[in-house]
PDB file of N, CA and C in Angstrom:
ATOM      1  N   MET A   1    -161.733 101.057 -38.761  1.00  0.00           N
ATOM      2  CA  MET A   1    -161.578 102.346 -39.407  1.00  0.00           C
ATOM      3  C   MET A   1    -160.823 102.158 -40.723  1.00  0.00           C
ATOM      4  N   VAL A   2    -161.332 102.771 -41.765  1.00  0.00           N
ATOM      5  CA  VAL A   2    -160.696 102.732 -43.076  1.00  0.00           C
ATOM      6  C   VAL A   2    -159.653 103.838 -43.143  1.00  0.00           C
ATOM      7  N   GLU A   3    -158.536 103.570 -43.792  1.00  0.00           N
ATOM      8  CA  GLU A   3    -157.497 104.584 -43.980  1.00  0.00           C
ATOM      9  C   GLU A   3    -157.366 104.880 -45.465  1.00  0.00           C
ATOM     10  N   LEU A   4    -157.653 106.130 -45.856  1.00  0.00           N
ATOM     11  CA  LEU A   4    -157.511 106.570 -47.238  1.00  0.00           C
ATOM     12  C   LEU A   4    -156.948 107.979 -47.255  1.00  0.00           C
ATOM     13  N   SER A   5    -156.130 108.254 -48.246  1.00  0.00           N
ATOM     14  CA  SER A   5    -155.624 109.617 -48.417  1.00  0.00           C
ATOM     15  C   SER A   5    -156.763 110.522 -48.880  1.00  0.00           C
ATOM     16  N   GLN A   6    -156.521 111.809 -48.854  1.00  0.00           N
ATOM     17  CA  GLN A   6    -157.506 112.775 -49.341  1.00  0.00           C
ATOM     18  C   GLN A   6    -157.875 112.473 -50.789  1.00  0.00           C
ATOM     19  N   ASP A   7    -156.858 112.221 -51.630  1.00  0.00           N
ATOM     20  CA  ASP A   7    -157.110 111.940 -53.049  1.00  0.00           C
ATOM     21  C   ASP A   7    -157.924 110.668 -53.245  1.00  0.00           C
ATOM     22  N   GLU A   8    -157.598 109.619 -52.511  1.00  0.00           N
ATOM     23  CA  GLU A   8    -158.341 108.358 -52.629  1.00  0.00           C
ATOM     24  C   GLU A   8    -159.795 108.543 -52.200  1.00  0.00           C
ATOM     25  N   PHE A   9    -159.984 109.284 -51.119  1.00  0.00           N
ATOM     26  CA  PHE A   9    -161.344 109.535 -50.635  1.00  0.00           C
ATOM     27  C   PHE A   9    -162.130 110.349 -51.658  1.00  0.00           C
ATOM     28  N   GLU A  10    -161.516 111.390 -52.204  1.00  0.00           N
ATOM     29  CA  GLU A  10    -162.197 112.216 -53.208  1.00  0.00           C
ATOM     30  C   GLU A  10    -162.575 111.384 -54.436  1.00  0.00           C
ATOM     31  N   ARG A  11    -161.717 110.452 -54.829  1.00  0.00           N
ATOM     32  CA  ARG A  11    -162.061 109.567 -55.955  1.00  0.00           C
ATOM     33  C   ARG A  11    -163.284 108.711 -55.633  1.00  0.00           C
ATOM     34  N   LEU A  12    -163.363 108.220 -54.396  1.00  0.00           N
ATOM     35  CA  LEU A  12    -164.546 107.439 -54.001  1.00  0.00           C
ATOM     36  C   LEU A  12    -165.808 108.294 -54.039  1.00  0.00           C
ATOM     37  N   VAL A  13    -165.714 109.520 -53.563  1.00  0.00           N
ATOM     38  CA  VAL A  13    -166.868 110.424 -53.597  1.00  0.00           C
ATOM     39  C   VAL A  13    -167.293 110.647 -55.048  1.00  0.00           C
ATOM     40  N   THR A  14    -166.335 110.905 -55.922  1.00  0.00           N
ATOM     41  CA  THR A  14    -166.641 111.107 -57.343  1.00  0.00           C
ATOM     42  C   THR A  14    -167.262 109.864 -57.952  1.00  0.00           C
ATOM     43  N   ASP A  15    -166.714 108.697 -57.628  1.00  0.00           N
ATOM     44  CA  ASP A  15    -167.279 107.435 -58.137  1.00  0.00           C
ATOM     45  C   ASP A  15    -168.721 107.256 -57.687  1.00  0.00           C
ATOM     46  N   GLU A  16    -169.002 107.570 -56.435  1.00  0.00           N
ATOM     47  CA  GLU A  16    -170.365 107.420 -55.921  1.00  0.00           C
ATOM     48  C   GLU A  16    -171.305 108.448 -56.541  1.00  0.00           C
ATOM     49  N   LEU A  17    -170.828 109.649 -56.770  1.00  0.00           N
ATOM     50  CA  LEU A  17    -171.650 110.644 -57.474  1.00  0.00           C
ATOM     51  C   LEU A  17    -171.982 110.162 -58.883  1.00  0.00           C
ATOM     52  N   ASP A  18    -170.994 109.620 -59.566  1.00  0.00           N
ATOM     53  CA  ASP A  18    -171.201 109.115 -60.926  1.00  0.00           C
ATOM     54  C   ASP A  18    -172.183 107.947 -60.960  1.00  0.00           C
ATOM     55  N   ALA A  19    -172.268 107.199 -59.871  1.00  0.00           N
ATOM     56  CA  ALA A  19    -173.142 106.030 -59.821  1.00  0.00           C
ATOM     57  C   ALA A  19    -174.591 106.368 -59.464  1.00  0.00           C
ATOM     58  N   LEU A  20    -174.848 107.610 -59.046  1.00  0.00           N
ATOM     59  CA  LEU A  20    -176.217 108.000 -58.689  1.00  0.00           C
ATOM     60  C   LEU A  20    -177.089 108.054 -59.940  1.00  0.00           C
ATOM     61  N   PRO A  21    -178.385 107.797 -59.790  1.00  0.00           N
ATOM     62  CA  PRO A  21    -179.287 107.828 -60.944  1.00  0.00           C
ATOM     63  C   PRO A  21    -179.311 109.206 -61.617  1.00  0.00           C
ATOM     64  N   ASP A  22    -179.402 109.193 -62.932  1.00  0.00           N
ATOM     65  CA  ASP A  22    -179.424 110.442 -63.693  1.00  0.00           C
ATOM     66  C   ASP A  22    -180.547 111.359 -63.252  1.00  0.00           C
ATOM     67  N   ASP A  23    -181.729 110.806 -62.963  1.00  0.00           N
ATOM     68  CA  ASP A  23    -182.854 111.664 -62.590  1.00  0.00           C
ATOM     69  C   ASP A  23    -182.627 112.369 -61.253  1.00  0.00           C
ATOM     70  N   MET A  24    -181.674 111.886 -60.455  1.00  0.00           N
ATOM     71  CA  MET A  24    -181.350 112.543 -59.194  1.00  0.00           C
ATOM     72  C   MET A  24    -180.365 113.690 -59.416  1.00  0.00           C
ATOM     73  N   VAL A  25    -179.426 113.521 -60.317  1.00  0.00           N
ATOM     74  CA  VAL A  25    -178.361 114.518 -60.464  1.00  0.00           C
ATOM     75  C   VAL A  25    -178.563 115.471 -61.637  1.00  0.00           C
ATOM     76  N   ASP A  26    -179.416 115.124 -62.587  1.00  0.00           N
ATOM     77  CA  ASP A  26    -179.607 115.988 -63.748  1.00  0.00           C
ATOM     78  C   ASP A  26    -180.161 117.362 -63.384  1.00  0.00           C
ATOM     79  N   GLY A  27    -180.922 117.468 -62.307  1.00  0.00           N
ATOM     80  CA  GLY A  27    -181.512 118.746 -61.920  1.00  0.00           C
ATOM     81  C   GLY A  27    -180.635 119.605 -61.028  1.00  0.00           C
ATOM     82  N   LEU A  28    -179.434 119.140 -60.715  1.00  0.00           N
ATOM     83  CA  LEU A  28    -178.548 119.900 -59.835  1.00  0.00           C
ATOM     84  C   LEU A  28    -177.934 121.066 -60.598  1.00  0.00           C
ATOM     85  N   GLU A  29    -178.172 122.272 -60.109  1.00  0.00           N
ATOM     86  CA  GLU A  29    -177.628 123.470 -60.732  1.00  0.00           C
ATOM     87  C   GLU A  29    -177.029 124.370 -59.666  1.00  0.00           C
ATOM     88  N   ASN A  30    -175.935 125.014 -60.017  1.00  0.00           N
ATOM     89  CA  ASN A  30    -175.277 125.951 -59.118  1.00  0.00           C
ATOM     90  C   ASN A  30    -174.969 125.295 -57.769  1.00  0.00           C
ATOM     91  N   LEU A  31    -174.408 124.084 -57.851  1.00  0.00           N
ATOM     92  CA  LEU A  31    -174.088 123.284 -56.669  1.00  0.00           C
ATOM     93  C   LEU A  31    -172.711 122.678 -56.852  1.00  0.00           C
ATOM     94  N   VAL A  32    -171.875 122.783 -55.826  1.00  0.00           N
ATOM     95  CA  VAL A  32    -170.566 122.152 -55.853  1.00  0.00           C
ATOM     96  C   VAL A  32    -170.472 121.149 -54.710  1.00  0.00           C
ATOM     97  N   PHE A  33    -169.673 120.121 -54.948  1.00  0.00           N
ATOM     98  CA  PHE A  33    -169.378 119.110 -53.940  1.00  0.00           C
ATOM     99  C   PHE A  33    -167.945 119.319 -53.489  1.00  0.00           C
ATOM    100  N   LEU A  34    -167.745 119.388 -52.191  1.00  0.00           N
ATOM    101  CA  LEU A  34    -166.427 119.596 -51.609  1.00  0.00           C
ATOM    102  C   LEU A  34    -166.141 118.494 -50.599  1.00  0.00           C
ATOM    103  N   VAL A  35    -164.863 118.200 -50.423  1.00  0.00           N
ATOM    104  CA  VAL A  35    -164.435 117.274 -49.384  1.00  0.00           C
ATOM    105  C   VAL A  35    -163.544 118.048 -48.421  1.00  0.00           C
ATOM    106  N   GLU A  36    -163.877 117.951 -47.144  1.00  0.00           N
ATOM    107  CA  GLU A  36    -163.050 118.535 -46.086  1.00  0.00           C
ATOM    108  C   GLU A  36    -162.785 117.449 -45.057  1.00  0.00           C
ATOM    109  N   ASP A  37    -161.725 117.627 -44.277  1.00  0.00           N
ATOM    110  CA  ASP A  37    -161.381 116.602 -43.298  1.00  0.00           C
ATOM    111  C   ASP A  37    -162.435 116.449 -42.211  1.00  0.00           C
ATOM    112  N   ARG A  38    -162.829 117.567 -41.587  1.00  0.00           N
ATOM    113  CA  ARG A  38    -163.787 117.543 -40.479  1.00  0.00           C
ATOM    114  C   ARG A  38    -164.631 118.809 -40.502  1.00  0.00           C
ATOM    115  N   PRO A  39    -165.777 118.756 -39.805  1.00  0.00           N
ATOM    116  CA  PRO A  39    -166.557 119.990 -39.622  1.00  0.00           C
ATOM    117  C   PRO A  39    -165.752 120.999 -38.787  1.00  0.00           C
ATOM    118  N   GLU A  40    -166.185 122.248 -38.806  1.00  0.00           N
ATOM    119  CA  GLU A  40    -165.479 123.310 -38.079  1.00  0.00           C
ATOM    120  C   GLU A  40    -165.299 123.008 -36.602  1.00  0.00           C
ATOM    121  N   ASP A  41    -166.267 122.307 -36.002  1.00  0.00           N
ATOM    122  CA  ASP A  41    -166.155 122.014 -34.564  1.00  0.00           C
ATOM    123  C   ASP A  41    -165.213 120.852 -34.269  1.00  0.00           C
ATOM    124  N   GLY A  42    -164.677 120.222 -35.314  1.00  0.00           N
ATOM    125  CA  GLY A  42    -163.709 119.143 -35.133  1.00  0.00           C
ATOM    126  C   GLY A  42    -164.307 117.789 -34.794  1.00  0.00           C
ATOM    127  N   SER A  43    -165.625 117.709 -34.730  1.00  0.00           N
ATOM    128  CA  SER A  43    -166.261 116.461 -34.309  1.00  0.00           C
ATOM    129  C   SER A  43    -166.216 115.412 -35.413  1.00  0.00           C
ATOM    130  N   LEU A  44    -166.487 114.196 -35.031  1.00  0.00           N
ATOM    131  CA  LEU A  44    -166.600 113.087 -35.974  1.00  0.00           C
ATOM    132  C   LEU A  44    -168.050 112.644 -36.137  1.00  0.00           C
ATOM    133  N   ASP A  45    -168.981 113.445 -35.630  1.00  0.00           N
ATOM    134  CA  ASP A  45    -170.393 113.077 -35.647  1.00  0.00           C
ATOM    135  C   ASP A  45    -171.109 113.447 -36.941  1.00  0.00           C
ATOM    136  N   LEU A  46    -170.635 114.434 -37.658  1.00  0.00           N
ATOM    137  CA  LEU A  46    -171.306 114.941 -38.849  1.00  0.00           C
ATOM    138  C   LEU A  46    -170.599 114.417 -40.093  1.00  0.00           C
ATOM    139  N   LEU A  47    -171.333 113.710 -40.950  1.00  0.00           N
ATOM    140  CA  LEU A  47    -170.742 113.125 -42.149  1.00  0.00           C
ATOM    141  C   LEU A  47    -170.706 114.087 -43.322  1.00  0.00           C
ATOM    142  N   ALA A  48    -171.686 114.977 -43.399  1.00  0.00           N
ATOM    143  CA  ALA A  48    -171.758 115.933 -44.507  1.00  0.00           C
ATOM    144  C   ALA A  48    -172.772 117.008 -44.149  1.00  0.00           C
ATOM    145  N   VAL A  49    -172.774 118.064 -44.974  1.00  0.00           N
ATOM    146  CA  VAL A  49    -173.732 119.138 -44.760  1.00  0.00           C
ATOM    147  C   VAL A  49    -174.082 119.754 -46.111  1.00  0.00           C
ATOM    148  N   TYR A  50    -175.358 120.126 -46.233  1.00  0.00           N
ATOM    149  CA  TYR A  50    -175.805 120.916 -47.381  1.00  0.00           C
ATOM    150  C   TYR A  50    -175.843 122.363 -46.936  1.00  0.00           C
ATOM    151  N   ASP A  51    -175.138 123.224 -47.643  1.00  0.00           N
ATOM    152  CA  ASP A  51    -175.063 124.640 -47.322  1.00  0.00           C
ATOM    153  C   ASP A  51    -175.610 125.420 -48.511  1.00  0.00           C
ATOM    154  N   GLY A  52    -176.847 125.874 -48.389  1.00  0.00           N
ATOM    155  CA  GLY A  52    -177.442 126.613 -49.490  1.00  0.00           C
ATOM    156  C   GLY A  52    -178.925 126.832 -49.276  1.00  0.00           C
ATOM    157  N   THR A  53    -179.582 127.219 -50.346  1.00  0.00           N
ATOM    158  CA  THR A  53    -181.022 127.464 -50.345  1.00  0.00           C
ATOM    159  C   THR A  53    -181.676 126.383 -51.189  1.00  0.00           C
ATOM    160  N   ASP A  54    -182.487 125.548 -50.541  1.00  0.00           N
ATOM    161  CA  ASP A  54    -183.078 124.436 -51.295  1.00  0.00           C
ATOM    162  C   ASP A  54    -184.055 124.950 -52.350  1.00  0.00           C
ATOM    163  N   LEU A  55    -184.338 124.108 -53.322  1.00  0.00           N
ATOM    164  CA  LEU A  55    -185.155 124.506 -54.462  1.00  0.00           C
ATOM    165  C   LEU A  55    -186.538 125.002 -54.065  1.00  0.00           C
ATOM    166  N   THR A  56    -187.097 124.459 -53.000  1.00  0.00           N
ATOM    167  CA  THR A  56    -188.442 124.868 -52.596  1.00  0.00           C
ATOM    168  C   THR A  56    -188.468 126.257 -51.980  1.00  0.00           C
ATOM    169  N   GLU A  57    -187.310 126.784 -51.598  1.00  0.00           N
ATOM    170  CA  GLU A  57    -187.230 128.093 -50.947  1.00  0.00           C
ATOM    171  C   GLU A  57    -186.670 129.177 -51.864  1.00  0.00           C
ATOM    172  N   ARG A  58    -186.297 128.836 -53.069  1.00  0.00           N
ATOM    173  CA  ARG A  58    -185.664 129.804 -53.969  1.00  0.00           C
ATOM    174  C   ARG A  58    -186.705 130.668 -54.652  1.00  0.00           C
ATOM    175  N   ASP A  59    -186.370 131.935 -54.762  1.00  0.00           N
ATOM    176  CA  ASP A  59    -187.188 132.867 -55.530  1.00  0.00           C
ATOM    177  C   ASP A  59    -186.425 133.120 -56.819  1.00  0.00           C
ATOM    178  N   ARG A  60    -185.764 134.211 -56.920  1.00  0.00           N
ATOM    179  CA  ARG A  60    -184.848 134.437 -58.035  1.00  0.00           C
ATOM    180  C   ARG A  60    -183.485 134.026 -57.540  1.00  0.00           C
ATOM    181  N   TYR A  61    -182.865 133.070 -58.207  1.00  0.00           N
ATOM    182  CA  TYR A  61    -181.634 132.496 -57.688  1.00  0.00           C
ATOM    183  C   TYR A  61    -180.808 131.963 -58.842  1.00  0.00           C
ATOM    184  N   GLY A  62    -179.521 132.028 -58.712  1.00  0.00           N
ATOM    185  CA  GLY A  62    -178.647 131.387 -59.675  1.00  0.00           C
ATOM    186  C   GLY A  62    -177.821 132.344 -60.499  1.00  0.00           C
ATOM    187  N   PHE A  63    -178.349 133.523 -60.813  1.00  0.00           N
ATOM    188  CA  PHE A  63    -177.582 134.469 -61.610  1.00  0.00           C
ATOM    189  C   PHE A  63    -176.715 135.307 -60.687  1.00  0.00           C
ATOM    190  N   GLY A  64    -175.416 135.093 -60.763  1.00  0.00           N
ATOM    191  CA  GLY A  64    -174.486 135.847 -59.935  1.00  0.00           C
ATOM    192  C   GLY A  64    -174.403 135.375 -58.498  1.00  0.00           C
ATOM    193  N   GLU A  65    -175.099 134.317 -58.169  1.00  0.00           N
ATOM    194  CA  GLU A  65    -175.073 133.774 -56.810  1.00  0.00           C
ATOM    195  C   GLU A  65    -173.912 132.791 -56.665  1.00  0.00           C
ATOM    196  N   LEU A  66    -173.307 132.787 -55.504  1.00  0.00           N
ATOM    197  CA  LEU A  66    -172.326 131.744 -55.223  1.00  0.00           C
ATOM    198  C   LEU A  66    -173.054 130.403 -55.221  1.00  0.00           C
ATOM    199  N   PRO A  67    -172.381 129.348 -55.620  1.00  0.00           N
ATOM    200  CA  PRO A  67    -173.067 128.055 -55.650  1.00  0.00           C
ATOM    201  C   PRO A  67    -173.377 127.535 -54.254  1.00  0.00           C
ATOM    202  N   ASP A  68    -174.449 126.746 -54.163  1.00  0.00           N
ATOM    203  CA  ASP A  68    -174.704 125.977 -52.956  1.00  0.00           C
ATOM    204  C   ASP A  68    -173.583 124.957 -52.836  1.00  0.00           C
ATOM    205  N   ARG A  69    -173.426 124.408 -51.630  1.00  0.00           N
ATOM    206  CA  ARG A  69    -172.338 123.453 -51.405  1.00  0.00           C
ATOM    207  C   ARG A  69    -172.848 122.229 -50.662  1.00  0.00           C
ATOM    208  N   ILE A  70    -172.341 121.098 -51.062  1.00  0.00           N
ATOM    209  CA  ILE A  70    -172.456 119.891 -50.249  1.00  0.00           C
ATOM    210  C   ILE A  70    -171.037 119.551 -49.844  1.00  0.00           C
ATOM    211  N   ILE A  71    -170.809 119.588 -48.538  1.00  0.00           N
ATOM    212  CA  ILE A  71    -169.475 119.317 -48.009  1.00  0.00           C
ATOM    213  C   ILE A  71    -169.507 117.929 -47.376  1.00  0.00           C
ATOM    214  N   VAL A  72    -168.656 117.053 -47.876  1.00  0.00           N
ATOM    215  CA  VAL A  72    -168.527 115.686 -47.368  1.00  0.00           C
ATOM    216  C   VAL A  72    -167.275 115.654 -46.486  1.00  0.00           C
ATOM    217  N   TYR A  73    -167.431 115.176 -45.260  1.00  0.00           N
ATOM    218  CA  TYR A  73    -166.318 115.154 -44.308  1.00  0.00           C
ATOM    219  C   TYR A  73    -165.636 113.786 -44.324  1.00  0.00           C
ATOM    220  N   ARG A  74    -164.349 113.812 -44.612  1.00  0.00           N
ATOM    221  CA  ARG A  74    -163.565 112.586 -44.797  1.00  0.00           C
ATOM    222  C   ARG A  74    -163.353 111.818 -43.496  1.00  0.00           C
ATOM    223  N   GLU A  75    -162.821 112.456 -42.481  1.00  0.00           N
ATOM    224  CA  GLU A  75    -162.458 111.746 -41.259  1.00  0.00           C
ATOM    225  C   GLU A  75    -163.654 111.101 -40.554  1.00  0.00           C
ATOM    226  N   PRO A  76    -164.810 111.763 -40.446  1.00  0.00           N
ATOM    227  CA  PRO A  76    -165.959 111.081 -39.853  1.00  0.00           C
ATOM    228  C   PRO A  76    -166.389 109.851 -40.647  1.00  0.00           C
ATOM    229  N   HIS A  77    -166.323 109.922 -41.974  1.00  0.00           N
ATOM    230  CA  HIS A  77    -166.659 108.744 -42.780  1.00  0.00           C
ATOM    231  C   HIS A  77    -165.670 107.611 -42.528  1.00  0.00           C
ATOM    232  N   LEU A  78    -164.395 107.933 -42.509  1.00  0.00           N
ATOM    233  CA  LEU A  78    -163.384 106.900 -42.294  1.00  0.00           C
ATOM    234  C   LEU A  78    -163.529 106.271 -40.912  1.00  0.00           C
ATOM    235  N   ALA A  79    -163.842 107.086 -39.914  1.00  0.00           N
ATOM    236  CA  ALA A  79    -163.992 106.582 -38.549  1.00  0.00           C
ATOM    237  C   ALA A  79    -165.224 105.691 -38.405  1.00  0.00           C
ATOM    238  N   ALA A  80    -166.244 105.929 -39.236  1.00  0.00           N
ATOM    239  CA  ALA A  80    -167.506 105.189 -39.115  1.00  0.00           C
ATOM    240  C   ALA A  80    -167.499 103.861 -39.867  1.00  0.00           C
ATOM    241  N   CYS A  81    -166.497 103.635 -40.708  1.00  0.00           N
ATOM    242  CA  CYS A  81    -166.519 102.457 -41.584  1.00  0.00           C
ATOM    243  C   CYS A  81    -165.304 101.571 -41.358  1.00  0.00           C
ATOM    244  N   ASP A  82    -165.536 100.256 -41.472  1.00  0.00           N
ATOM    245  CA  ASP A  82    -164.460  99.285 -41.277  1.00  0.00           C
ATOM    246  C   ASP A  82    -163.874  98.768 -42.579  1.00  0.00           C
ATOM    247  N   THR A  83    -164.605  98.915 -43.682  1.00  0.00           N
ATOM    248  CA  THR A  83    -164.120  98.427 -44.977  1.00  0.00           C
ATOM    249  C   THR A  83    -164.414  99.468 -46.053  1.00  0.00           C
ATOM    250  N   VAL A  84    -163.739  99.343 -47.172  1.00  0.00           N
ATOM    251  CA  VAL A  84    -163.983 100.252 -48.287  1.00  0.00           C
ATOM    252  C   VAL A  84    -165.394 100.065 -48.831  1.00  0.00           C
ATOM    253  N   ASP A  85    -165.887  98.823 -48.865  1.00  0.00           N
ATOM    254  CA  ASP A  85    -167.262  98.585 -49.325  1.00  0.00           C
ATOM    255  C   ASP A  85    -168.277  99.278 -48.414  1.00  0.00           C
ATOM    256  N   GLU A  86    -168.047  99.193 -47.117  1.00  0.00           N
ATOM    257  CA  GLU A  86    -168.924  99.878 -46.161  1.00  0.00           C
ATOM    258  C   GLU A  86    -168.835 101.392 -46.371  1.00  0.00           C
ATOM    259  N   LEU A  87    -167.644 101.902 -46.645  1.00  0.00           N
ATOM    260  CA  LEU A  87    -167.446 103.325 -46.903  1.00  0.00           C
ATOM    261  C   LEU A  87    -168.205 103.757 -48.160  1.00  0.00           C
ATOM    262  N   ARG A  88    -168.140 102.957 -49.210  1.00  0.00           N
ATOM    263  CA  ARG A  88    -168.893 103.270 -50.433  1.00  0.00           C
ATOM    264  C   ARG A  88    -170.390 103.350 -50.145  1.00  0.00           C
ATOM    265  N   ASP A  89    -170.901 102.387 -49.388  1.00  0.00           N
ATOM    266  CA  ASP A  89    -172.323 102.394 -49.040  1.00  0.00           C
ATOM    267  C   ASP A  89    -172.680 103.643 -48.234  1.00  0.00           C
ATOM    268  N   GLU A  90    -171.835 103.985 -47.274  1.00  0.00           N
ATOM    269  CA  GLU A  90    -172.101 105.162 -46.433  1.00  0.00           C
ATOM    270  C   GLU A  90    -172.036 106.444 -47.262  1.00  0.00           C
ATOM    271  N   LEU A  91    -171.087 106.531 -48.169  1.00  0.00           N
ATOM    272  CA  LEU A  91    -171.004 107.699 -49.048  1.00  0.00           C
ATOM    273  C   LEU A  91    -172.248 107.809 -49.920  1.00  0.00           C
ATOM    274  N   HIS A  92    -172.732 106.688 -50.418  1.00  0.00           N
ATOM    275  CA  HIS A  92    -173.941 106.694 -51.241  1.00  0.00           C
ATOM    276  C   HIS A  92    -175.121 107.272 -50.455  1.00  0.00           C
ATOM    277  N   VAL A  93    -175.327 106.762 -49.260  1.00  0.00           N
ATOM    278  CA  VAL A  93    -176.430 107.237 -48.416  1.00  0.00           C
ATOM    279  C   VAL A  93    -176.236 108.720 -48.082  1.00  0.00           C
ATOM    280  N   THR A  94    -175.020 109.101 -47.758  1.00  0.00           N
ATOM    281  CA  THR A  94    -174.733 110.500 -47.414  1.00  0.00           C
ATOM    282  C   THR A  94    -175.029 111.425 -48.585  1.00  0.00           C
ATOM    283  N   LEU A  95    -174.583 111.064 -49.770  1.00  0.00           N
ATOM    284  CA  LEU A  95    -174.822 111.908 -50.948  1.00  0.00           C
ATOM    285  C   LEU A  95    -176.308 112.017 -51.266  1.00  0.00           C
ATOM    286  N   VAL A  96    -177.025 110.899 -51.210  1.00  0.00           N
ATOM    287  CA  VAL A  96    -178.469 110.940 -51.449  1.00  0.00           C
ATOM    288  C   VAL A  96    -179.138 111.844 -50.421  1.00  0.00           C
ATOM    289  N   HIS A  97    -178.740 111.706 -49.175  1.00  0.00           N
ATOM    290  CA  HIS A  97    -179.307 112.514 -48.086  1.00  0.00           C
ATOM    291  C   HIS A  97    -179.100 114.007 -48.343  1.00  0.00           C
ATOM    292  N   GLU A  98    -177.879 114.401 -48.659  1.00  0.00           N
ATOM    293  CA  GLU A  98    -177.589 115.824 -48.850  1.00  0.00           C
ATOM    294  C   GLU A  98    -178.214 116.367 -50.135  1.00  0.00           C
ATOM    295  N   ILE A  99    -178.234 115.578 -51.195  1.00  0.00           N
ATOM    296  CA  ILE A  99    -178.900 116.005 -52.429  1.00  0.00           C
ATOM    297  C   ILE A  99    -180.395 116.175 -52.175  1.00  0.00           C
ATOM    298  N   ALA A 100    -180.964 115.317 -51.341  1.00  0.00           N
ATOM    299  CA  ALA A 100    -182.380 115.461 -50.988  1.00  0.00           C
ATOM    300  C   ALA A 100    -182.639 116.812 -50.324  1.00  0.00           C
ATOM    301  N   HIS A 101    -181.720 117.258 -49.471  1.00  0.00           N
ATOM    302  CA  HIS A 101    -181.868 118.585 -48.865  1.00  0.00           C
ATOM    303  C   HIS A 101    -181.863 119.670 -49.932  1.00  0.00           C
ATOM    304  N   TYR A 102    -181.033 119.536 -50.945  1.00  0.00           N
ATOM    305  CA  TYR A 102    -181.014 120.486 -52.063  1.00  0.00           C
ATOM    306  C   TYR A 102    -182.403 120.577 -52.696  1.00  0.00           C
ATOM    307  N   TYR A 103    -183.070 119.433 -52.830  1.00  0.00           N
ATOM    308  CA  TYR A 103    -184.407 119.400 -53.433  1.00  0.00           C
ATOM    309  C   TYR A 103    -185.514 119.780 -52.452  1.00  0.00           C
ATOM    310  N   GLY A 104    -185.158 120.071 -51.193  1.00  0.00           N
ATOM    311  CA  GLY A 104    -186.140 120.530 -50.219  1.00  0.00           C
ATOM    312  C   GLY A 104    -186.733 119.444 -49.337  1.00  0.00           C
ATOM    313  N   ILE A 105    -186.155 118.268 -49.339  1.00  0.00           N
ATOM    314  CA  ILE A 105    -186.639 117.171 -48.498  1.00  0.00           C
ATOM    315  C   ILE A 105    -185.962 117.278 -47.136  1.00  0.00           C
ATOM    316  N   ASP A 106    -186.760 117.383 -46.086  1.00  0.00           N
ATOM    317  CA  ASP A 106    -186.196 117.580 -44.750  1.00  0.00           C
ATOM    318  C   ASP A 106    -185.849 116.256 -44.083  1.00  0.00           C
ATOM    319  N   ASP A 107    -185.196 116.350 -42.915  1.00  0.00           N
ATOM    320  CA  ASP A 107    -184.738 115.156 -42.203  1.00  0.00           C
ATOM    321  C   ASP A 107    -185.882 114.226 -41.811  1.00  0.00           C
ATOM    322  N   ALA A 108    -187.017 114.791 -41.423  1.00  0.00           N
ATOM    323  CA  ALA A 108    -188.149 113.939 -41.025  1.00  0.00           C
ATOM    324  C   ALA A 108    -188.586 113.054 -42.182  1.00  0.00           C
ATOM    325  N   GLU A 109    -188.691 113.632 -43.371  1.00  0.00           N
ATOM    326  CA  GLU A 109    -189.091 112.857 -44.545  1.00  0.00           C
ATOM    327  C   GLU A 109    -187.991 111.858 -44.922  1.00  0.00           C
ATOM    328  N   LEU A 110    -186.742 112.253 -44.791  1.00  0.00           N
ATOM    329  CA  LEU A 110    -185.635 111.326 -45.083  1.00  0.00           C
ATOM    330  C   LEU A 110    -185.654 110.143 -44.120  1.00  0.00           C
ATOM    331  N   HIS A 111    -185.955 110.389 -42.854  1.00  0.00           N
ATOM    332  CA  HIS A 111    -186.087 109.284 -41.897  1.00  0.00           C
ATOM    333  C   HIS A 111    -187.214 108.355 -42.310  1.00  0.00           C
ATOM    334  N   ARG A 112    -188.338 108.943 -42.690  1.00  0.00           N
ATOM    335  CA  ARG A 112    -189.485 108.146 -43.098  1.00  0.00           C
ATOM    336  C   ARG A 112    -189.144 107.277 -44.313  1.00  0.00           C
ATOM    337  N   LEU A 113    -188.326 107.816 -45.223  1.00  0.00           N
ATOM    338  CA  LEU A 113    -187.940 107.097 -46.434  1.00  0.00           C
ATOM    339  C   LEU A 113    -186.755 106.153 -46.229  1.00  0.00           C
ATOM    340  N   GLY A 114    -186.126 106.208 -45.043  1.00  0.00           N
ATOM    341  CA  GLY A 114    -185.014 105.322 -44.754  1.00  0.00           C
ATOM    342  C   GLY A 114    -183.651 105.835 -45.223  1.00  0.00           C
ATOM    343  N   TRP A 115    -183.532 107.139 -45.474  1.00  0.00           N
ATOM    344  CA  TRP A 115    -182.284 107.715 -45.955  1.00  0.00           C
ATOM    345  C   TRP A 115    -181.596 108.565 -44.884  1.00  0.00           C
ATOM    346  N   ALA A 116    -181.972 108.429 -43.652  1.00  0.00           N
ATOM    347  CA  ALA A 116    -181.332 109.215 -42.604  1.00  0.00           C
ATOM    348  C   ALA A 116    -181.036 108.348 -41.404  1.00  0.00           C
TER     349      ALA A 116
END
C-alpha cells in the first residue's frame, strides 16, 4: 500500500491529467475533477466515478448547468498499489476510463479496448 497525503495524491492526479494526450482532454467542457478519500459507501472497491451526462446523451447542455464531475478516490487507489509508479499507472488508466464515460463510451467497450 502506498502512503500519500491528500496534497501529494492530488498532485499526482494533476500530473497524470497533464500527461494525457491533447486530443483526449481538449474536448472536455463543463467538467471538474475532484479527489475524495472514499466513495459514500466507504468501500475500497471503487477507484473513481463519472457523475454527469455523457456527450452522446446531451441535448441542450452547458449554459447554466452545474459541471459534470469525475471523482477520483484516494484511499482505494492507495490500497490497490504497492509503489508510486504503480499508482501513477493506475491513475492513468482510471482517468482514461472516466473520461471515456464523459465521451459516451460504456464499460463493455472499455473492456473490449483494455481500459477497464
